[in-house]
Amino acid sequence: MGASAIVASDIFHKLIRVNKNTLFSADLHAQLAYSANLSADDLAIAVTARGNTADINRMLKAAKQEGCITVALTRFGQDEATRLANYTLPYFYDEQHSQLGVITPQVLQMVAFDVLFFKYMTLAKGSAKKRY
């Protein structure tokens, strides 16, 4: 797992604070087990900077085969994660940004998820209780 695991961990912590049953592990084998045990009642969010990480895409496939709704948080464009996921939460990033440092994709991923999360919190109002 690459630096996108930091973003996935951040998402995990945000969701457990509002009482969402959430799983995350930086361990590849645990992630594979999680994805194989998802169902149509679940939502899987794949965080990948370039969208072509073989292990992440394998987990997306496994989750989708189990009927799970899948979301890819990845750069805008035509990559494997975008094709595999039911929904995409895209951000713009290209290789020219790599000169700015490896943190650029992670910041963009966090901003993209935070926009969605804050909208969820606005819509959920009292039903999403902060527990921290």
C-alpha atoms as a PDB file:
ATOM      1  CA  MET A   1       0.000   0.000   0.000  1.00  0.00           C
ATOM      2  CA  GLY A   2       1.272   3.412  -0.891  1.00  0.00           C
ATOM      3  CA  ALA A   3       0.788   6.883   0.484  1.00  0.00           C
ATOM      4  CA  SER A   4      -2.939   6.744  -0.334  1.00  0.00           C
ATOM      5  CA  ALA A   5      -3.269   4.521   2.745  1.00  0.00           C
ATOM      6  CA  ILE A   6      -2.761   7.685   4.809  1.00  0.00           C
ATOM      7  CA  VAL A   7      -5.857   9.149   3.162  1.00  0.00           C
ATOM      8  CA  ALA A   8      -7.801   5.912   3.675  1.00  0.00           C
ATOM      9  CA  SER A   9      -6.877   6.034   7.360  1.00  0.00           C
ATOM     10  CA  ASP A  10      -8.099   9.636   7.559  1.00  0.00           C
ATOM     11  CA  ILE A  11     -11.413   8.605   5.944  1.00  0.00           C
ATOM     12  CA  PHE A  12     -11.696   5.705   8.401  1.00  0.00           C
ATOM     13  CA  HIS A  13     -11.260   8.032  11.376  1.00  0.00           C
ATOM     14  CA  LYS A  14     -13.806  10.535  10.072  1.00  0.00           C
ATOM     15  CA  LEU A  15     -16.407   7.802   9.554  1.00  0.00           C
ATOM     16  CA  ILE A  16     -15.979   6.110  12.924  1.00  0.00           C
ATOM     17  CA  ARG A  17     -16.376   9.484  14.639  1.00  0.00           C
ATOM     18  CA  VAL A  18     -19.891   9.710  13.199  1.00  0.00           C
ATOM     19  CA  ASN A  19     -20.743   6.134  14.209  1.00  0.00           C
ATOM     20  CA  LYS A  20     -20.354   4.461  10.818  1.00  0.00           C
ATOM     21  CA  ASN A  21     -19.357   0.800  10.907  1.00  0.00           C
ATOM     22  CA  THR A  22     -16.032   1.154   9.103  1.00  0.00           C
ATOM     23  CA  LEU A  23     -13.045  -1.089   8.451  1.00  0.00           C
ATOM     24  CA  PHE A  24      -9.544  -0.123   7.384  1.00  0.00           C
ATOM     25  CA  SER A  25      -6.197  -1.828   7.528  1.00  0.00           C
ATOM     26  CA  ALA A  26      -2.902  -0.915   5.905  1.00  0.00           C
ATOM     27  CA  ASP A  27      -2.241  -4.664   5.698  1.00  0.00           C
ATOM     28  CA  LEU A  28      -2.877  -6.017   2.196  1.00  0.00           C
ATOM     29  CA  HIS A  29      -4.069  -9.431   3.373  1.00  0.00           C
ATOM     30  CA  ALA A  30      -6.593  -7.890   5.769  1.00  0.00           C
ATOM     31  CA  GLN A  31      -7.879  -5.648   2.968  1.00  0.00           C
ATOM     32  CA  LEU A  32      -8.324  -8.637   0.678  1.00  0.00           C
ATOM     33  CA  ALA A  33     -10.249 -10.470   3.409  1.00  0.00           C
ATOM     34  CA  TYR A  34     -12.445  -7.423   4.037  1.00  0.00           C
ATOM     35  CA  SER A  35     -13.242  -6.999   0.338  1.00  0.00           C
ATOM     36  CA  ALA A  36     -14.120 -10.680  -0.110  1.00  0.00           C
ATOM     37  CA  ASN A  37     -16.595 -10.511   2.785  1.00  0.00           C
ATOM     38  CA  LEU A  38     -18.541  -7.438   1.723  1.00  0.00           C
ATOM     39  CA  SER A  39     -22.164  -7.622   0.590  1.00  0.00           C
ATOM     40  CA  ALA A  40     -24.814  -5.568  -1.173  1.00  0.00           C
ATOM     41  CA  ASP A  41     -25.427  -3.806   2.160  1.00  0.00           C
ATOM     42  CA  ASP A  42     -21.891  -2.399   2.174  1.00  0.00           C
ATOM     43  CA  LEU A  43     -19.955   0.400   0.506  1.00  0.00           C
ATOM     44  CA  ALA A  44     -16.271   0.056  -0.414  1.00  0.00           C
ATOM     45  CA  ILE A  45     -14.127   3.125  -1.000  1.00  0.00           C
ATOM     46  CA  ALA A  46     -10.869   2.551  -2.884  1.00  0.00           C
ATOM     47  CA  VAL A  47      -8.253   5.283  -2.534  1.00  0.00           C
ATOM     48  CA  THR A  48      -5.646   5.234  -5.289  1.00  0.00           C
ATOM     49  CA  ALA A  49      -3.573   8.114  -6.679  1.00  0.00           C
ATOM     50  CA  ARG A  50      -3.150   6.778 -10.205  1.00  0.00           C
ATOM     51  CA  GLY A  51      -5.968   4.231 -10.371  1.00  0.00           C
ATOM     52  CA  ASN A  52      -3.788   1.404 -11.642  1.00  0.00           C
ATOM     53  CA  THR A  53      -2.605  -0.244  -8.423  1.00  0.00           C
ATOM     54  CA  ALA A  54      -3.130  -3.961  -9.047  1.00  0.00           C
ATOM     55  CA  ASP A  55      -3.945  -4.864  -5.428  1.00  0.00           C
ATOM     56  CA  ILE A  56      -6.466  -2.047  -5.022  1.00  0.00           C
ATOM     57  CA  ASN A  57      -8.143  -3.000  -8.290  1.00  0.00           C
ATOM     58  CA  ARG A  58      -8.241  -6.650  -7.240  1.00  0.00           C
ATOM     59  CA  MET A  59     -10.071  -5.606  -4.072  1.00  0.00           C
ATOM     60  CA  LEU A  60     -12.502  -3.484  -6.085  1.00  0.00           C
ATOM     61  CA  LYS A  61     -13.279  -6.512  -8.270  1.00  0.00           C
ATOM     62  CA  ALA A  62     -13.757  -8.783  -5.245  1.00  0.00           C
ATOM     63  CA  ALA A  63     -16.081  -6.315  -3.514  1.00  0.00           C
ATOM     64  CA  LYS A  64     -18.117  -5.761  -6.661  1.00  0.00           C
ATOM     65  CA  GLN A  65     -18.470  -9.526  -7.230  1.00  0.00           C
ATOM     66  CA  GLU A  66     -20.060  -9.739  -3.779  1.00  0.00           C
ATOM     67  CA  GLY A  67     -22.626  -7.105  -4.808  1.00  0.00           C
ATOM     68  CA  CYS A  68     -20.992  -4.296  -2.851  1.00  0.00           C
ATOM     69  CA  ILE A  69     -21.326  -0.726  -4.132  1.00  0.00           C
ATOM     70  CA  THR A  70     -17.836   0.578  -4.915  1.00  0.00           C
ATOM     71  CA  VAL A  71     -16.390   4.086  -5.074  1.00  0.00           C
ATOM     72  CA  ALA A  72     -12.951   4.968  -6.428  1.00  0.00           C
ATOM     73  CA  LEU A  73     -11.265   8.068  -5.060  1.00  0.00           C
ATOM     74  CA  THR A  74      -8.763   8.542  -7.871  1.00  0.00           C
ATOM     75  CA  ARG A  75      -7.478  11.056 -10.360  1.00  0.00           C
ATOM     76  CA  PHE A  76      -9.749  12.173 -13.168  1.00  0.00           C
ATOM     77  CA  GLY A  77      -9.295  10.097 -16.286  1.00  0.00           C
ATOM     78  CA  GLN A  78      -9.636   6.656 -17.728  1.00  0.00           C
ATOM     79  CA  ASP A  79      -7.843   4.269 -15.425  1.00  0.00           C
ATOM     80  CA  GLU A  80      -8.623   0.769 -14.201  1.00  0.00           C
ATOM     81  CA  ALA A  81     -10.134   1.855 -10.862  1.00  0.00           C
ATOM     82  CA  THR A  82     -12.511   4.222 -12.662  1.00  0.00           C
ATOM     83  CA  ARG A  83     -13.687   1.391 -14.929  1.00  0.00           C
ATOM     84  CA  LEU A  84     -14.136  -1.051 -12.044  1.00  0.00           C
ATOM     85  CA  ALA A  85     -15.965   1.181  -9.564  1.00  0.00           C
ATOM     86  CA  ASN A  86     -19.672   1.931  -9.575  1.00  0.00           C
ATOM     87  CA  TYR A  87     -18.896   5.559  -8.783  1.00  0.00           C
ATOM     88  CA  THR A  88     -15.810   7.738  -9.005  1.00  0.00           C
ATOM     89  CA  LEU A  89     -14.837  10.647  -6.797  1.00  0.00           C
ATOM     90  CA  PRO A  90     -12.256  12.231  -9.107  1.00  0.00           C
ATOM     91  CA  TYR A  91      -9.662  14.934  -8.661  1.00  0.00           C
ATOM     92  CA  PHE A  92      -7.238  16.402 -11.180  1.00  0.00           C
ATOM     93  CA  TYR A  93      -3.633  15.250 -10.931  1.00  0.00           C
ATOM     94  CA  ASP A  94      -1.025  14.608 -13.580  1.00  0.00           C
ATOM     95  CA  GLU A  95       2.616  13.670 -13.536  1.00  0.00           C
ATOM     96  CA  GLN A  96       3.699  17.329 -13.774  1.00  0.00           C
ATOM     97  CA  HIS A  97       2.390  17.741 -10.218  1.00  0.00           C
ATOM     98  CA  SER A  98       4.941  15.193  -9.017  1.00  0.00           C
ATOM     99  CA  GLN A  99       7.540  17.974  -9.048  1.00  0.00           C
ATOM    100  CA  LEU A 100       5.637  19.537  -6.144  1.00  0.00           C
ATOM    101  CA  GLY A 101       6.259  16.472  -4.014  1.00  0.00           C
ATOM    102  CA  VAL A 102       4.505  13.232  -3.245  1.00  0.00           C
ATOM    103  CA  ILE A 103       2.019  14.897  -0.917  1.00  0.00           C
ATOM    104  CA  THR A 104       0.041  16.548  -3.744  1.00  0.00           C
ATOM    105  CA  PRO A 105      -2.194  13.531  -4.568  1.00  0.00           C
ATOM    106  CA  GLN A 106      -2.916  12.930  -0.882  1.00  0.00           C
ATOM    107  CA  VAL A 107      -3.982  16.539  -0.297  1.00  0.00           C
ATOM    108  CA  LEU A 108      -6.230  16.389  -3.367  1.00  0.00           C
ATOM    109  CA  GLN A 109      -7.729  13.071  -2.203  1.00  0.00           C
ATOM    110  CA  MET A 110      -8.440  14.490   1.250  1.00  0.00           C
ATOM    111  CA  VAL A 111     -10.090  17.601  -0.173  1.00  0.00           C
ATOM    112  CA  ALA A 112     -12.253  15.526  -2.544  1.00  0.00           C
ATOM    113  CA  PHE A 113     -13.431  13.254   0.285  1.00  0.00           C
ATOM    114  CA  ASP A 114     -13.913  16.142   2.715  1.00  0.00           C
ATOM    115  CA  VAL A 115     -16.303  17.879   0.306  1.00  0.00           C
ATOM    116  CA  LEU A 116     -18.405  14.710   0.165  1.00  0.00           C
ATOM    117  CA  PHE A 117     -18.138  14.132   3.928  1.00  0.00           C
ATOM    118  CA  PHE A 118     -19.197  17.675   4.829  1.00  0.00           C
ATOM    119  CA  LYS A 119     -22.162  17.383   2.463  1.00  0.00           C
ATOM    120  CA  TYR A 120     -23.116  14.105   4.153  1.00  0.00           C
ATOM    121  CA  MET A 121     -22.874  15.757   7.575  1.00  0.00           C
ATOM    122  CA  THR A 122     -25.084  18.612   6.382  1.00  0.00           C
ATOM    123  CA  LEU A 123     -27.726  16.234   5.031  1.00  0.00           C
ATOM    124  CA  ALA A 124     -27.561  13.833   7.994  1.00  0.00           C
ATOM    125  CA  LYS A 125     -27.718  16.631  10.585  1.00  0.00           C
ATOM    126  CA  GLY A 126     -28.781  15.033  13.870  1.00  0.00           C
ATOM    127  CA  SER A 127     -28.595  11.417  12.719  1.00  0.00           C
ATOM    128  CA  ALA A 128     -24.796  11.484  12.357  1.00  0.00           C
ATOM    129  CA  LYS A 129     -23.580  11.882  15.910  1.00  0.00           C
ATOM    130  CA  LYS A 130     -19.988  12.850  16.496  1.00  0.00           C
ATOM    131  CA  ARG A 131     -18.389  10.406  18.909  1.00  0.00           C
ATOM    132  CA  TYR A 132     -14.914  11.557  19.775  1.00  0.00           C
END
